[in-house]
């Protein structure tokens, strides 16, 4: 920990539109995927955030981030958006990044968004997931 590691300095962000504002979310793997270019080679996933246009009702939205398929999870605690909320920044349970090497990316890796829960009485809609990468 320190001034650099605790800051946003040097982070490169990728925003992923998973569903447009009018589209209710549904569960499943590979809802969106991005290709890791050479400019991100050797970087680690350092930050995550999710935002919906319409808040879920009844329960949370749960979002996984995985690398090169659904089995290599990049988060040890998934992103959540609580019922009646639109962003993960105010979630009761914060997302936690892996620290076992699964958070590292290389050229031509793919990172995908998987949705495991969408709310219960009303699904959230219009999802954007933002990923931040930086050299460790």
C-alpha atoms as a PDB file:
ATOM      1  CA  UNK A   1       0.000   0.000   0.000  1.00  0.00           C
ATOM      2  CA  UNK A   2       1.091   3.499  -0.681  1.00  0.00           C
ATOM      3  CA  UNK A   3       0.387   6.703  -2.549  1.00  0.00           C
ATOM      4  CA  UNK A   4       0.643   5.090  -6.002  1.00  0.00           C
ATOM      5  CA  UNK A   5      -1.154   1.819  -5.258  1.00  0.00           C
ATOM      6  CA  UNK A   6      -3.954   3.671  -3.463  1.00  0.00           C
ATOM      7  CA  UNK A   7      -4.494   6.140  -6.328  1.00  0.00           C
ATOM      8  CA  UNK A   8      -6.093   5.959  -9.766  1.00  0.00           C
ATOM      9  CA  UNK A   9      -2.831   7.059 -11.393  1.00  0.00           C
ATOM     10  CA  UNK A  10      -1.960   5.072 -14.505  1.00  0.00           C
ATOM     11  CA  UNK A  11      -5.222   3.115 -14.677  1.00  0.00           C
ATOM     12  CA  UNK A  12      -6.590   2.461 -18.156  1.00  0.00           C
ATOM     13  CA  UNK A  13     -10.338   2.014 -18.233  1.00  0.00           C
ATOM     14  CA  UNK A  14     -12.558  -0.052 -20.503  1.00  0.00           C
ATOM     15  CA  UNK A  15     -16.315   0.573 -20.427  1.00  0.00           C
ATOM     16  CA  UNK A  16     -18.477  -2.328 -21.613  1.00  0.00           C
ATOM     17  CA  UNK A  17     -22.120  -1.758 -22.565  1.00  0.00           C
ATOM     18  CA  UNK A  18     -23.715  -5.100 -21.657  1.00  0.00           C
ATOM     19  CA  UNK A  19     -27.361  -4.150 -22.267  1.00  0.00           C
ATOM     20  CA  UNK A  20     -29.007  -0.990 -23.573  1.00  0.00           C
ATOM     21  CA  UNK A  21     -31.248   1.098 -21.344  1.00  0.00           C
ATOM     22  CA  UNK A  22     -34.483  -0.521 -22.547  1.00  0.00           C
ATOM     23  CA  UNK A  23     -33.282  -4.133 -22.225  1.00  0.00           C
ATOM     24  CA  UNK A  24     -33.959  -6.069 -19.020  1.00  0.00           C
ATOM     25  CA  UNK A  25     -31.022  -8.141 -17.856  1.00  0.00           C
ATOM     26  CA  UNK A  26     -31.014 -11.919 -18.006  1.00  0.00           C
ATOM     27  CA  UNK A  27     -28.688 -14.389 -16.352  1.00  0.00           C
ATOM     28  CA  UNK A  28     -25.959 -16.296 -18.173  1.00  0.00           C
ATOM     29  CA  UNK A  29     -22.315 -16.400 -19.127  1.00  0.00           C
ATOM     30  CA  UNK A  30     -20.621 -14.293 -21.801  1.00  0.00           C
ATOM     31  CA  UNK A  31     -23.163 -11.456 -21.828  1.00  0.00           C
ATOM     32  CA  UNK A  32     -20.376  -9.219 -23.168  1.00  0.00           C
ATOM     33  CA  UNK A  33     -16.729  -9.765 -24.026  1.00  0.00           C
ATOM     34  CA  UNK A  34     -13.703  -7.559 -24.669  1.00  0.00           C
ATOM     35  CA  UNK A  35     -10.374  -8.368 -26.284  1.00  0.00           C
ATOM     36  CA  UNK A  36      -7.218  -7.359 -24.406  1.00  0.00           C
ATOM     37  CA  UNK A  37      -4.939  -5.381 -26.763  1.00  0.00           C
ATOM     38  CA  UNK A  38      -1.130  -5.279 -26.565  1.00  0.00           C
ATOM     39  CA  UNK A  39      -1.335  -1.939 -24.708  1.00  0.00           C
ATOM     40  CA  UNK A  40      -2.776  -3.722 -21.654  1.00  0.00           C
ATOM     41  CA  UNK A  41      -0.335  -6.662 -21.727  1.00  0.00           C
ATOM     42  CA  UNK A  42       1.052  -7.402 -18.259  1.00  0.00           C
ATOM     43  CA  UNK A  43      -1.492  -5.259 -16.443  1.00  0.00           C
ATOM     44  CA  UNK A  44      -3.739  -6.317 -13.582  1.00  0.00           C
ATOM     45  CA  UNK A  45      -7.423  -5.649 -13.106  1.00  0.00           C
ATOM     46  CA  UNK A  46      -7.361  -2.920 -10.442  1.00  0.00           C
ATOM     47  CA  UNK A  47     -10.924  -1.634 -10.270  1.00  0.00           C
ATOM     48  CA  UNK A  48     -14.462  -2.575 -11.283  1.00  0.00           C
ATOM     49  CA  UNK A  49     -17.760  -0.739 -11.310  1.00  0.00           C
ATOM     50  CA  UNK A  50     -21.221  -1.539 -12.659  1.00  0.00           C
ATOM     51  CA  UNK A  51     -24.100   0.822 -13.357  1.00  0.00           C
ATOM     52  CA  UNK A  52     -27.667   0.141 -14.528  1.00  0.00           C
ATOM     53  CA  UNK A  53     -30.250   2.503 -15.988  1.00  0.00           C
ATOM     54  CA  UNK A  54     -33.111   0.858 -14.068  1.00  0.00           C
ATOM     55  CA  UNK A  55     -32.508  -0.448 -10.547  1.00  0.00           C
ATOM     56  CA  UNK A  56     -33.417  -4.034  -9.689  1.00  0.00           C
ATOM     57  CA  UNK A  57     -36.230  -4.713  -7.222  1.00  0.00           C
ATOM     58  CA  UNK A  58     -36.473  -7.487  -4.659  1.00  0.00           C
ATOM     59  CA  UNK A  59     -32.807  -8.487  -4.633  1.00  0.00           C
ATOM     60  CA  UNK A  60     -29.393  -7.607  -5.985  1.00  0.00           C
ATOM     61  CA  UNK A  61     -27.817  -7.889  -9.397  1.00  0.00           C
ATOM     62  CA  UNK A  62     -24.700 -10.082  -9.268  1.00  0.00           C
ATOM     63  CA  UNK A  63     -22.027  -9.749 -11.962  1.00  0.00           C
ATOM     64  CA  UNK A  64     -18.962 -11.936 -12.479  1.00  0.00           C
ATOM     65  CA  UNK A  65     -15.882 -10.907 -14.473  1.00  0.00           C
ATOM     66  CA  UNK A  66     -13.880 -13.782 -15.919  1.00  0.00           C
ATOM     67  CA  UNK A  67     -10.898 -14.277 -18.197  1.00  0.00           C
ATOM     68  CA  UNK A  68     -10.662 -16.563 -21.249  1.00  0.00           C
ATOM     69  CA  UNK A  69     -13.994 -18.227 -20.504  1.00  0.00           C
ATOM     70  CA  UNK A  70     -16.216 -18.441 -17.450  1.00  0.00           C
ATOM     71  CA  UNK A  71     -13.969 -20.629 -15.271  1.00  0.00           C
ATOM     72  CA  UNK A  72     -11.130 -18.165 -14.475  1.00  0.00           C
ATOM     73  CA  UNK A  73     -12.771 -15.665 -12.148  1.00  0.00           C
ATOM     74  CA  UNK A  74     -11.048 -12.279 -11.834  1.00  0.00           C
ATOM     75  CA  UNK A  75     -12.991 -11.347  -8.676  1.00  0.00           C
ATOM     76  CA  UNK A  76     -13.052 -13.213  -5.363  1.00  0.00           C
ATOM     77  CA  UNK A  77     -16.249 -11.309  -4.451  1.00  0.00           C
ATOM     78  CA  UNK A  78     -18.489 -10.458  -7.403  1.00  0.00           C
ATOM     79  CA  UNK A  79     -19.839  -7.029  -8.320  1.00  0.00           C
ATOM     80  CA  UNK A  80     -23.265  -6.379  -6.819  1.00  0.00           C
ATOM     81  CA  UNK A  81     -25.879  -3.704  -7.329  1.00  0.00           C
ATOM     82  CA  UNK A  82     -28.346  -3.674  -4.449  1.00  0.00           C
ATOM     83  CA  UNK A  83     -32.130  -3.555  -4.868  1.00  0.00           C
ATOM     84  CA  UNK A  84     -33.360   0.000  -5.546  1.00  0.00           C
ATOM     85  CA  UNK A  85     -29.788   1.159  -6.375  1.00  0.00           C
ATOM     86  CA  UNK A  86     -28.256   1.886  -9.778  1.00  0.00           C
ATOM     87  CA  UNK A  87     -24.533   1.568  -9.043  1.00  0.00           C
ATOM     88  CA  UNK A  88     -22.150  -0.890  -7.456  1.00  0.00           C
ATOM     89  CA  UNK A  89     -20.302   1.933  -5.672  1.00  0.00           C
ATOM     90  CA  UNK A  90     -22.974   1.982  -2.956  1.00  0.00           C
ATOM     91  CA  UNK A  91     -23.371  -1.815  -2.661  1.00  0.00           C
ATOM     92  CA  UNK A  92     -23.538  -3.339   0.811  1.00  0.00           C
ATOM     93  CA  UNK A  93     -20.934  -5.884  -0.336  1.00  0.00           C
ATOM     94  CA  UNK A  94     -18.044  -4.407  -2.313  1.00  0.00           C
ATOM     95  CA  UNK A  95     -16.396  -6.302  -5.164  1.00  0.00           C
ATOM     96  CA  UNK A  96     -13.005  -7.796  -4.300  1.00  0.00           C
ATOM     97  CA  UNK A  97     -10.288  -8.462  -6.885  1.00  0.00           C
ATOM     98  CA  UNK A  98      -8.423 -11.765  -7.071  1.00  0.00           C
ATOM     99  CA  UNK A  99      -4.801 -11.691  -5.939  1.00  0.00           C
ATOM    100  CA  UNK A 100      -3.779 -15.145  -7.179  1.00  0.00           C
ATOM    101  CA  UNK A 101      -2.704 -14.135 -10.702  1.00  0.00           C
ATOM    102  CA  UNK A 102      -6.213 -14.440 -12.165  1.00  0.00           C
ATOM    103  CA  UNK A 103      -6.397 -10.642 -12.197  1.00  0.00           C
ATOM    104  CA  UNK A 104      -3.462 -10.357 -14.656  1.00  0.00           C
ATOM    105  CA  UNK A 105      -4.101 -10.003 -18.395  1.00  0.00           C
ATOM    106  CA  UNK A 106      -1.980 -10.621 -21.474  1.00  0.00           C
ATOM    107  CA  UNK A 107      -2.305  -9.671 -25.135  1.00  0.00           C
ATOM    108  CA  UNK A 108      -5.211 -11.509 -26.815  1.00  0.00           C
ATOM    109  CA  UNK A 109      -6.859 -12.599 -23.575  1.00  0.00           C
ATOM    110  CA  UNK A 110     -10.594 -12.033 -23.471  1.00  0.00           C
ATOM    111  CA  UNK A 111     -12.482 -10.706 -20.471  1.00  0.00           C
ATOM    112  CA  UNK A 112     -16.162 -11.472 -20.234  1.00  0.00           C
ATOM    113  CA  UNK A 113     -19.116 -10.358 -18.158  1.00  0.00           C
ATOM    114  CA  UNK A 114     -21.353 -13.046 -16.686  1.00  0.00           C
ATOM    115  CA  UNK A 115     -24.612 -12.271 -14.865  1.00  0.00           C
ATOM    116  CA  UNK A 116     -25.744 -14.666 -12.134  1.00  0.00           C
ATOM    117  CA  UNK A 117     -28.624 -12.662 -10.601  1.00  0.00           C
ATOM    118  CA  UNK A 118     -30.800  -9.852 -11.989  1.00  0.00           C
ATOM    119  CA  UNK A 119     -33.096  -8.834  -9.126  1.00  0.00           C
ATOM    120  CA  UNK A 120     -36.153 -10.862  -8.126  1.00  0.00           C
ATOM    121  CA  UNK A 121     -39.439  -8.988  -8.550  1.00  0.00           C
ATOM    122  CA  UNK A 122     -38.029  -6.626 -11.215  1.00  0.00           C
ATOM    123  CA  UNK A 123     -34.892  -7.188 -13.253  1.00  0.00           C
ATOM    124  CA  UNK A 124     -32.466  -4.336 -13.655  1.00  0.00           C
ATOM    125  CA  UNK A 125     -31.946  -2.978 -17.165  1.00  0.00           C
ATOM    126  CA  UNK A 126     -29.265  -1.158 -19.121  1.00  0.00           C
ATOM    127  CA  UNK A 127     -25.945  -2.393 -17.736  1.00  0.00           C
ATOM    128  CA  UNK A 128     -22.491  -0.837 -18.183  1.00  0.00           C
ATOM    129  CA  UNK A 129     -19.432  -2.452 -16.558  1.00  0.00           C
ATOM    130  CA  UNK A 130     -16.202  -0.455 -16.236  1.00  0.00           C
ATOM    131  CA  UNK A 131     -12.880  -2.251 -15.754  1.00  0.00           C
ATOM    132  CA  UNK A 132      -9.651  -0.504 -14.760  1.00  0.00           C
ATOM    133  CA  UNK A 133      -6.234  -2.007 -15.546  1.00  0.00           C
ATOM    134  CA  UNK A 134      -2.768  -0.917 -14.407  1.00  0.00           C
ATOM    135  CA  UNK A 135       0.763  -2.279 -14.256  1.00  0.00           C
ATOM    136  CA  UNK A 136       1.079  -3.827 -10.772  1.00  0.00           C
END
